[in-house]
């Protein structure tokens, strides 16, 4: 899994590599452990997939600048990384 800050730094792009057509769950947590955002997607193959997080929580409210933990989970694997969101 890779992550890239956009040139405007108000969003973060998360790149993940699925094993095939499968359900993928992307969870973004504050460092306190609080779930900020949950997204479920269906991958369409083994090519790299991208998700751009715009810094909004599950209620559509903008979260503050800071470090967040991203967890990408499927039936076959779970990977986590830190991302930085700057406003």
PDB file of N, CA and C in Angstrom:
ATOM      1  N   UNK A   1       0.855  -1.163   0.000  1.00  0.00           N
ATOM      2  CA  UNK A   1       0.000   0.000   0.000  1.00  0.00           C
ATOM      3  C   UNK A   1       0.901   1.225   0.000  1.00  0.00           C
ATOM      4  N   UNK A   2       0.529   2.195  -0.794  1.00  0.00           N
ATOM      5  CA  UNK A   2       1.268   3.452  -0.849  1.00  0.00           C
ATOM      6  C   UNK A   2       0.310   4.588  -0.564  1.00  0.00           C
ATOM      7  N   UNK A   3       0.863   5.732  -0.244  1.00  0.00           N
ATOM      8  CA  UNK A   3       0.021   6.909  -0.009  1.00  0.00           C
ATOM      9  C   UNK A   3       0.713   8.107  -0.613  1.00  0.00           C
ATOM     10  N   UNK A   4      -0.078   9.041  -1.114  1.00  0.00           N
ATOM     11  CA  UNK A   4       0.452  10.238  -1.737  1.00  0.00           C
ATOM     12  C   UNK A   4      -0.403  11.411  -1.322  1.00  0.00           C
ATOM     13  N   UNK A   5       0.226  12.486  -0.884  1.00  0.00           N
ATOM     14  CA  UNK A   5      -0.516  13.705  -0.616  1.00  0.00           C
ATOM     15  C   UNK A   5      -0.733  14.417  -1.935  1.00  0.00           C
ATOM     16  N   UNK A   6      -1.888  15.004  -2.109  1.00  0.00           N
ATOM     17  CA  UNK A   6      -2.146  15.760  -3.326  1.00  0.00           C
ATOM     18  C   UNK A   6      -1.334  17.045  -3.307  1.00  0.00           C
ATOM     19  N   UNK A   7      -1.242  17.688  -4.448  1.00  0.00           N
ATOM     20  CA  UNK A   7      -0.461  18.932  -4.495  1.00  0.00           C
ATOM     21  C   UNK A   7      -1.117  20.021  -3.668  1.00  0.00           C
ATOM     22  N   UNK A   8      -2.405  19.885  -3.369  1.00  0.00           N
ATOM     23  CA  UNK A   8      -3.104  20.870  -2.543  1.00  0.00           C
ATOM     24  C   UNK A   8      -3.083  20.482  -1.076  1.00  0.00           C
ATOM     25  N   UNK A   9      -2.656  19.267  -0.767  1.00  0.00           N
ATOM     26  CA  UNK A   9      -2.470  18.764   0.589  1.00  0.00           C
ATOM     27  C   UNK A   9      -3.740  18.690   1.425  1.00  0.00           C
ATOM     28  N   UNK A  10      -4.887  18.910   0.840  1.00  0.00           N
ATOM     29  CA  UNK A  10      -6.117  18.770   1.613  1.00  0.00           C
ATOM     30  C   UNK A  10      -6.761  17.410   1.378  1.00  0.00           C
ATOM     31  N   UNK A  11      -6.097  16.561   0.616  1.00  0.00           N
ATOM     32  CA  UNK A  11      -6.564  15.194   0.426  1.00  0.00           C
ATOM     33  C   UNK A  11      -5.353  14.274   0.351  1.00  0.00           C
ATOM     34  N   UNK A  12      -5.595  12.998   0.560  1.00  0.00           N
ATOM     35  CA  UNK A  12      -4.540  11.995   0.522  1.00  0.00           C
ATOM     36  C   UNK A  12      -5.005  10.857  -0.361  1.00  0.00           C
ATOM     37  N   UNK A  13      -4.160  10.430  -1.270  1.00  0.00           N
ATOM     38  CA  UNK A  13      -4.490   9.312  -2.154  1.00  0.00           C
ATOM     39  C   UNK A  13      -3.863   8.042  -1.600  1.00  0.00           C
ATOM     40  N   UNK A  14      -4.689   7.017  -1.491  1.00  0.00           N
ATOM     41  CA  UNK A  14      -4.257   5.725  -0.970  1.00  0.00           C
ATOM     42  C   UNK A  14      -4.287   4.741  -2.132  1.00  0.00           C
ATOM     43  N   UNK A  15      -3.170   4.097  -2.383  1.00  0.00           N
ATOM     44  CA  UNK A  15      -3.061   3.120  -3.463  1.00  0.00           C
ATOM     45  C   UNK A  15      -2.916   1.744  -2.830  1.00  0.00           C
ATOM     46  N   UNK A  16      -3.737   0.796  -3.262  1.00  0.00           N
ATOM     47  CA  UNK A  16      -3.670  -0.565  -2.733  1.00  0.00           C
ATOM     48  C   UNK A  16      -3.751  -1.552  -3.882  1.00  0.00           C
ATOM     49  N   UNK A  17      -3.287  -2.768  -3.632  1.00  0.00           N
ATOM     50  CA  UNK A  17      -3.201  -3.793  -4.666  1.00  0.00           C
ATOM     51  C   UNK A  17      -4.051  -5.001  -4.264  1.00  0.00           C
ATOM     52  N   UNK A  18      -5.260  -5.109  -4.791  1.00  0.00           N
ATOM     53  CA  UNK A  18      -6.120  -6.235  -4.440  1.00  0.00           C
ATOM     54  C   UNK A  18      -5.634  -7.537  -5.093  1.00  0.00           C
ATOM     55  N   UNK A  19      -6.127  -8.655  -4.583  1.00  0.00           N
ATOM     56  CA  UNK A  19      -5.767  -9.964  -5.102  1.00  0.00           C
ATOM     57  C   UNK A  19      -6.690 -10.424  -6.224  1.00  0.00           C
ATOM     58  N   UNK A  20      -7.724  -9.691  -6.503  1.00  0.00           N
ATOM     59  CA  UNK A  20      -8.713 -10.040  -7.518  1.00  0.00           C
ATOM     60  C   UNK A  20      -9.992  -9.300  -7.221  1.00  0.00           C
ATOM     61  N   UNK A  21     -11.087  -9.771  -7.765  1.00  0.00           N
ATOM     62  CA  UNK A  21     -12.362  -9.123  -7.471  1.00  0.00           C
ATOM     63  C   UNK A  21     -12.771  -9.498  -6.060  1.00  0.00           C
ATOM     64  N   UNK A  22     -12.779  -8.524  -5.178  1.00  0.00           N
ATOM     65  CA  UNK A  22     -13.085  -8.777  -3.772  1.00  0.00           C
ATOM     66  C   UNK A  22     -13.561  -7.492  -3.116  1.00  0.00           C
ATOM     67  N   UNK A  23     -14.203  -7.652  -1.984  1.00  0.00           N
ATOM     68  CA  UNK A  23     -14.634  -6.511  -1.193  1.00  0.00           C
ATOM     69  C   UNK A  23     -13.442  -5.986  -0.400  1.00  0.00           C
ATOM     70  N   UNK A  24     -13.233  -4.702  -0.475  1.00  0.00           N
ATOM     71  CA  UNK A  24     -12.149  -4.035   0.246  1.00  0.00           C
ATOM     72  C   UNK A  24     -12.772  -3.032   1.206  1.00  0.00           C
ATOM     73  N   UNK A  25     -12.278  -2.999   2.417  1.00  0.00           N
ATOM     74  CA  UNK A  25     -12.741  -2.021   3.399  1.00  0.00           C
ATOM     75  C   UNK A  25     -11.569  -1.118   3.761  1.00  0.00           C
ATOM     76  N   UNK A  26     -11.781   0.188   3.630  1.00  0.00           N
ATOM     77  CA  UNK A  26     -10.760   1.167   3.982  1.00  0.00           C
ATOM     78  C   UNK A  26     -11.250   1.919   5.211  1.00  0.00           C
ATOM     79  N   UNK A  27     -10.483   1.812   6.285  1.00  0.00           N
ATOM     80  CA  UNK A  27     -10.810   2.502   7.533  1.00  0.00           C
ATOM     81  C   UNK A  27      -9.726   3.535   7.806  1.00  0.00           C
ATOM     82  N   UNK A  28     -10.140   4.720   8.225  1.00  0.00           N
ATOM     83  CA  UNK A  28      -9.208   5.771   8.594  1.00  0.00           C
ATOM     84  C   UNK A  28      -9.483   6.126  10.050  1.00  0.00           C
ATOM     85  N   UNK A  29      -8.425   6.065  10.854  1.00  0.00           N
ATOM     86  CA  UNK A  29      -8.534   6.287  12.296  1.00  0.00           C
ATOM     87  C   UNK A  29      -7.705   7.493  12.717  1.00  0.00           C
ATOM     88  N   UNK A  30      -8.188   8.215  13.694  1.00  0.00           N
ATOM     89  CA  UNK A  30      -7.374   9.216  14.375  1.00  0.00           C
ATOM     90  C   UNK A  30      -6.354   8.467  15.228  1.00  0.00           C
ATOM     91  N   UNK A  31      -5.281   9.120  15.614  1.00  0.00           N
ATOM     92  CA  UNK A  31      -4.275   8.456  16.453  1.00  0.00           C
ATOM     93  C   UNK A  31      -4.837   8.020  17.791  1.00  0.00           C
ATOM     94  N   UNK A  32      -5.938   8.623  18.201  1.00  0.00           N
ATOM     95  CA  UNK A  32      -6.604   8.220  19.455  1.00  0.00           C
ATOM     96  C   UNK A  32      -7.307   6.875  19.322  1.00  0.00           C
ATOM     97  N   UNK A  33      -7.432   6.368  18.082  1.00  0.00           N
ATOM     98  CA  UNK A  33      -8.123   5.105  17.845  1.00  0.00           C
ATOM     99  C   UNK A  33      -9.553   5.274  17.371  1.00  0.00           C
ATOM    100  N   UNK A  34     -10.053   6.491  17.360  1.00  0.00           N
ATOM    101  CA  UNK A  34     -11.419   6.757  16.920  1.00  0.00           C
ATOM    102  C   UNK A  34     -11.531   6.572  15.409  1.00  0.00           C
ATOM    103  N   UNK A  35     -12.549   5.821  14.978  1.00  0.00           N
ATOM    104  CA  UNK A  35     -12.812   5.651  13.552  1.00  0.00           C
ATOM    105  C   UNK A  35     -13.306   6.974  12.987  1.00  0.00           C
ATOM    106  N   UNK A  36     -12.633   7.464  11.959  1.00  0.00           N
ATOM    107  CA  UNK A  36     -12.979   8.726  11.326  1.00  0.00           C
ATOM    108  C   UNK A  36     -13.783   8.484  10.060  1.00  0.00           C
ATOM    109  N   UNK A  37     -13.345   7.549   9.238  1.00  0.00           N
ATOM    110  CA  UNK A  37     -13.984   7.306   7.937  1.00  0.00           C
ATOM    111  C   UNK A  37     -13.913   5.831   7.613  1.00  0.00           C
ATOM    112  N   UNK A  38     -14.999   5.275   7.085  1.00  0.00           N
ATOM    113  CA  UNK A  38     -15.037   3.885   6.614  1.00  0.00           C
ATOM    114  C   UNK A  38     -15.627   3.886   5.214  1.00  0.00           C
ATOM    115  N   UNK A  39     -14.925   3.227   4.307  1.00  0.00           N
ATOM    116  CA  UNK A  39     -15.365   3.123   2.919  1.00  0.00           C
ATOM    117  C   UNK A  39     -15.257   1.666   2.503  1.00  0.00           C
ATOM    118  N   UNK A  40     -16.294   1.137   1.879  1.00  0.00           N
ATOM    119  CA  UNK A  40     -16.262  -0.214   1.323  1.00  0.00           C
ATOM    120  C   UNK A  40     -16.298  -0.095  -0.192  1.00  0.00           C
ATOM    121  N   UNK A  41     -15.378  -0.778  -0.847  1.00  0.00           N
ATOM    122  CA  UNK A  41     -15.307  -0.759  -2.304  1.00  0.00           C
ATOM    123  C   UNK A  41     -15.154  -2.182  -2.802  1.00  0.00           C
ATOM    124  N   UNK A  42     -15.519  -2.420  -4.055  1.00  0.00           N
ATOM    125  CA  UNK A  42     -15.304  -3.704  -4.694  1.00  0.00           C
ATOM    126  C   UNK A  42     -14.225  -3.521  -5.745  1.00  0.00           C
ATOM    127  N   UNK A  43     -13.128  -4.248  -5.592  1.00  0.00           N
ATOM    128  CA  UNK A  43     -12.058  -4.140  -6.577  1.00  0.00           C
ATOM    129  C   UNK A  43     -12.470  -4.899  -7.830  1.00  0.00           C
ATOM    130  N   UNK A  44     -11.938  -4.487  -8.956  1.00  0.00           N
ATOM    131  CA  UNK A  44     -12.311  -5.080 -10.239  1.00  0.00           C
ATOM    132  C   UNK A  44     -11.183  -5.908 -10.846  1.00  0.00           C
ATOM    133  N   UNK A  45     -10.188  -6.230 -10.079  1.00  0.00           N
ATOM    134  CA  UNK A  45      -9.087  -7.028 -10.598  1.00  0.00           C
ATOM    135  C   UNK A  45      -7.849  -6.842  -9.754  1.00  0.00           C
ATOM    136  N   UNK A  46      -6.694  -7.215 -10.325  1.00  0.00           N
ATOM    137  CA  UNK A  46      -5.443  -7.168  -9.582  1.00  0.00           C
ATOM    138  C   UNK A  46      -4.618  -5.920  -9.873  1.00  0.00           C
ATOM    139  N   UNK A  47      -5.143  -5.015 -10.673  1.00  0.00           N
ATOM    140  CA  UNK A  47      -4.417  -3.780 -10.948  1.00  0.00           C
ATOM    141  C   UNK A  47      -4.495  -2.855  -9.734  1.00  0.00           C
ATOM    142  N   UNK A  48      -3.503  -1.996  -9.544  1.00  0.00           N
ATOM    143  CA  UNK A  48      -3.537  -1.072  -8.405  1.00  0.00           C
ATOM    144  C   UNK A  48      -4.810  -0.216  -8.408  1.00  0.00           C
ATOM    145  N   UNK A  49      -5.411  -0.072  -7.255  1.00  0.00           N
ATOM    146  CA  UNK A  49      -6.623   0.712  -7.081  1.00  0.00           C
ATOM    147  C   UNK A  49      -6.281   1.951  -6.267  1.00  0.00           C
ATOM    148  N   UNK A  50      -7.061   3.018  -6.444  1.00  0.00           N
ATOM    149  CA  UNK A  50      -6.803   4.276  -5.751  1.00  0.00           C
ATOM    150  C   UNK A  50      -8.069   4.757  -5.043  1.00  0.00           C
ATOM    151  N   UNK A  51      -7.850   5.288  -3.852  1.00  0.00           N
ATOM    152  CA  UNK A  51      -8.926   5.938  -3.123  1.00  0.00           C
ATOM    153  C   UNK A  51      -8.384   7.285  -2.652  1.00  0.00           C
ATOM    154  N   UNK A  52      -9.080   8.351  -2.972  1.00  0.00           N
ATOM    155  CA  UNK A  52      -8.661   9.686  -2.562  1.00  0.00           C
ATOM    156  C   UNK A  52      -9.532  10.127  -1.392  1.00  0.00           C
ATOM    157  N   UNK A  53      -8.907  10.269  -0.228  1.00  0.00           N
ATOM    158  CA  UNK A  53      -9.624  10.722   0.969  1.00  0.00           C
ATOM    159  C   UNK A  53      -9.530  12.235   1.041  1.00  0.00           C
ATOM    160  N   UNK A  54     -10.679  12.865   1.058  1.00  0.00           N
ATOM    161  CA  UNK A  54     -10.755  14.333   1.030  1.00  0.00           C
ATOM    162  C   UNK A  54     -10.745  14.967   2.418  1.00  0.00           C
ATOM    163  N   UNK A  55     -10.501  14.190   3.440  1.00  0.00           N
ATOM    164  CA  UNK A  55     -10.420  14.743   4.785  1.00  0.00           C
ATOM    165  C   UNK A  55     -11.752  14.882   5.488  1.00  0.00           C
ATOM    166  N   UNK A  56     -12.793  14.232   4.965  1.00  0.00           N
ATOM    167  CA  UNK A  56     -14.105  14.274   5.611  1.00  0.00           C
ATOM    168  C   UNK A  56     -14.329  13.008   6.423  1.00  0.00           C
ATOM    169  N   UNK A  57     -15.050  13.144   7.536  1.00  0.00           N
ATOM    170  CA  UNK A  57     -15.379  11.965   8.328  1.00  0.00           C
ATOM    171  C   UNK A  57     -16.637  11.303   7.792  1.00  0.00           C
ATOM    172  N   UNK A  58     -17.161  10.314   8.499  1.00  0.00           N
ATOM    173  CA  UNK A  58     -18.354   9.585   8.049  1.00  0.00           C
ATOM    174  C   UNK A  58     -19.597  10.458   7.989  1.00  0.00           C
ATOM    175  N   UNK A  59     -19.585  11.599   8.695  1.00  0.00           N
ATOM    176  CA  UNK A  59     -20.727  12.510   8.686  1.00  0.00           C
ATOM    177  C   UNK A  59     -20.562  13.652   7.696  1.00  0.00           C
ATOM    178  N   UNK A  60     -19.466  13.629   6.919  1.00  0.00           N
ATOM    179  CA  UNK A  60     -19.228  14.686   5.946  1.00  0.00           C
ATOM    180  C   UNK A  60     -18.615  15.942   6.542  1.00  0.00           C
ATOM    181  N   UNK A  61     -18.098  15.839   7.756  1.00  0.00           N
ATOM    182  CA  UNK A  61     -17.483  16.981   8.430  1.00  0.00           C
ATOM    183  C   UNK A  61     -15.974  16.909   8.248  1.00  0.00           C
ATOM    184  N   UNK A  62     -15.366  18.040   7.918  1.00  0.00           N
ATOM    185  CA  UNK A  62     -13.920  18.089   7.716  1.00  0.00           C
ATOM    186  C   UNK A  62     -13.190  17.845   9.038  1.00  0.00           C
ATOM    187  N   UNK A  63     -12.196  16.971   9.000  1.00  0.00           N
ATOM    188  CA  UNK A  63     -11.367  16.715  10.177  1.00  0.00           C
ATOM    189  C   UNK A  63     -10.151  17.638  10.131  1.00  0.00           C
ATOM    190  N   UNK A  64      -9.482  17.763  11.240  1.00  0.00           N
ATOM    191  CA  UNK A  64      -8.341  18.662  11.319  1.00  0.00           C
ATOM    192  C   UNK A  64      -7.076  18.078  10.723  1.00  0.00           C
ATOM    193  N   UNK A  65      -6.112  18.943  10.524  1.00  0.00           N
ATOM    194  CA  UNK A  65      -4.792  18.497  10.070  1.00  0.00           C
ATOM    195  C   UNK A  65      -4.214  17.551  11.100  1.00  0.00           C
ATOM    196  N   UNK A  66      -3.424  16.599  10.625  1.00  0.00           N
ATOM    197  CA  UNK A  66      -2.778  15.684  11.556  1.00  0.00           C
ATOM    198  C   UNK A  66      -2.401  14.382  10.906  1.00  0.00           C
ATOM    199  N   UNK A  67      -1.958  13.455  11.735  1.00  0.00           N
ATOM    200  CA  UNK A  67      -1.562  12.126  11.290  1.00  0.00           C
ATOM    201  C   UNK A  67      -2.723  11.173  11.563  1.00  0.00           C
ATOM    202  N   UNK A  68      -3.022  10.341  10.586  1.00  0.00           N
ATOM    203  CA  UNK A  68      -4.103   9.365  10.681  1.00  0.00           C
ATOM    204  C   UNK A  68      -3.576   7.991  10.286  1.00  0.00           C
ATOM    205  N   UNK A  69      -4.228   6.961  10.773  1.00  0.00           N
ATOM    206  CA  UNK A  69      -3.886   5.587  10.423  1.00  0.00           C
ATOM    207  C   UNK A  69      -4.900   5.096   9.395  1.00  0.00           C
ATOM    208  N   UNK A  70      -4.404   4.559   8.285  1.00  0.00           N
ATOM    209  CA  UNK A  70      -5.263   3.985   7.251  1.00  0.00           C
ATOM    210  C   UNK A  70      -5.088   2.475   7.287  1.00  0.00           C
ATOM    211  N   UNK A  71      -6.202   1.761   7.360  1.00  0.00           N
ATOM    212  CA  UNK A  71      -6.173   0.301   7.315  1.00  0.00           C
ATOM    213  C   UNK A  71      -6.977  -0.153   6.111  1.00  0.00           C
ATOM    214  N   UNK A  72      -6.341  -0.911   5.236  1.00  0.00           N
ATOM    215  CA  UNK A  72      -6.999  -1.493   4.061  1.00  0.00           C
ATOM    216  C   UNK A  72      -7.119  -2.990   4.335  1.00  0.00           C
ATOM    217  N   UNK A  73      -8.363  -3.468   4.293  1.00  0.00           N
ATOM    218  CA  UNK A  73      -8.616  -4.857   4.683  1.00  0.00           C
ATOM    219  C   UNK A  73      -9.430  -5.582   3.625  1.00  0.00           C
ATOM    220  N   UNK A  74      -9.040  -6.826   3.354  1.00  0.00           N
ATOM    221  CA  UNK A  74      -9.813  -7.718   2.492  1.00  0.00           C
ATOM    222  C   UNK A  74      -9.896  -9.061   3.215  1.00  0.00           C
ATOM    223  N   UNK A  75     -10.503 -10.050   2.574  1.00  0.00           N
ATOM    224  CA  UNK A  75     -10.577 -11.377   3.180  1.00  0.00           C
ATOM    225  C   UNK A  75      -9.198 -12.022   3.284  1.00  0.00           C
ATOM    226  N   UNK A  76      -8.269 -11.591   2.425  1.00  0.00           N
ATOM    227  CA  UNK A  76      -6.966 -12.244   2.353  1.00  0.00           C
ATOM    228  C   UNK A  76      -5.833 -11.502   3.050  1.00  0.00           C
ATOM    229  N   UNK A  77      -5.994 -10.221   3.294  1.00  0.00           N
ATOM    230  CA  UNK A  77      -4.888  -9.464   3.885  1.00  0.00           C
ATOM    231  C   UNK A  77      -5.392  -8.191   4.542  1.00  0.00           C
ATOM    232  N   UNK A  78      -4.586  -7.674   5.467  1.00  0.00           N
ATOM    233  CA  UNK A  78      -4.826  -6.382   6.101  1.00  0.00           C
ATOM    234  C   UNK A  78      -3.504  -5.636   6.143  1.00  0.00           C
ATOM    235  N   UNK A  79      -3.519  -4.374   5.716  1.00  0.00           N
ATOM    236  CA  UNK A  79      -2.327  -3.532   5.751  1.00  0.00           C
ATOM    237  C   UNK A  79      -2.692  -2.200   6.352  1.00  0.00           C
ATOM    238  N   UNK A  80      -1.751  -1.636   7.106  1.00  0.00           N
ATOM    239  CA  UNK A  80      -1.964  -0.332   7.730  1.00  0.00           C
ATOM    240  C   UNK A  80      -0.767   0.558   7.456  1.00  0.00           C
ATOM    241  N   UNK A  81      -1.037   1.869   7.413  1.00  0.00           N
ATOM    242  CA  UNK A  81       0.018   2.864   7.245  1.00  0.00           C
ATOM    243  C   UNK A  81      -0.456   4.180   7.846  1.00  0.00           C
ATOM    244  N   UNK A  82       0.480   5.074   8.064  1.00  0.00           N
ATOM    245  CA  UNK A  82       0.153   6.422   8.542  1.00  0.00           C
ATOM    246  C   UNK A  82       0.075   7.362   7.360  1.00  0.00           C
ATOM    247  N   UNK A  83      -0.837   8.322   7.427  1.00  0.00           N
ATOM    248  CA  UNK A  83      -0.924   9.392   6.432  1.00  0.00           C
ATOM    249  C   UNK A  83      -1.005  10.711   7.169  1.00  0.00           C
ATOM    250  N   UNK A  84      -0.588  11.759   6.481  1.00  0.00           N
ATOM    251  CA  UNK A  84      -0.644  13.099   7.034  1.00  0.00           C
ATOM    252  C   UNK A  84      -1.623  13.924   6.219  1.00  0.00           C
ATOM    253  N   UNK A  85      -2.544  14.573   6.894  1.00  0.00           N
ATOM    254  CA  UNK A  85      -3.503  15.450   6.250  1.00  0.00           C
ATOM    255  C   UNK A  85      -3.185  16.874   6.679  1.00  0.00           C
ATOM    256  N   UNK A  86      -2.935  17.733   5.715  1.00  0.00           N
ATOM    257  CA  UNK A  86      -2.629  19.142   5.996  1.00  0.00           C
ATOM    258  C   UNK A  86      -3.724  20.003   5.395  1.00  0.00           C
ATOM    259  N   UNK A  87      -4.189  20.954   6.141  1.00  0.00           N
ATOM    260  CA  UNK A  87      -5.232  21.869   5.681  1.00  0.00           C
ATOM    261  C   UNK A  87      -4.644  23.221   5.377  1.00  0.00           C
TER     262      UNK A  87
END
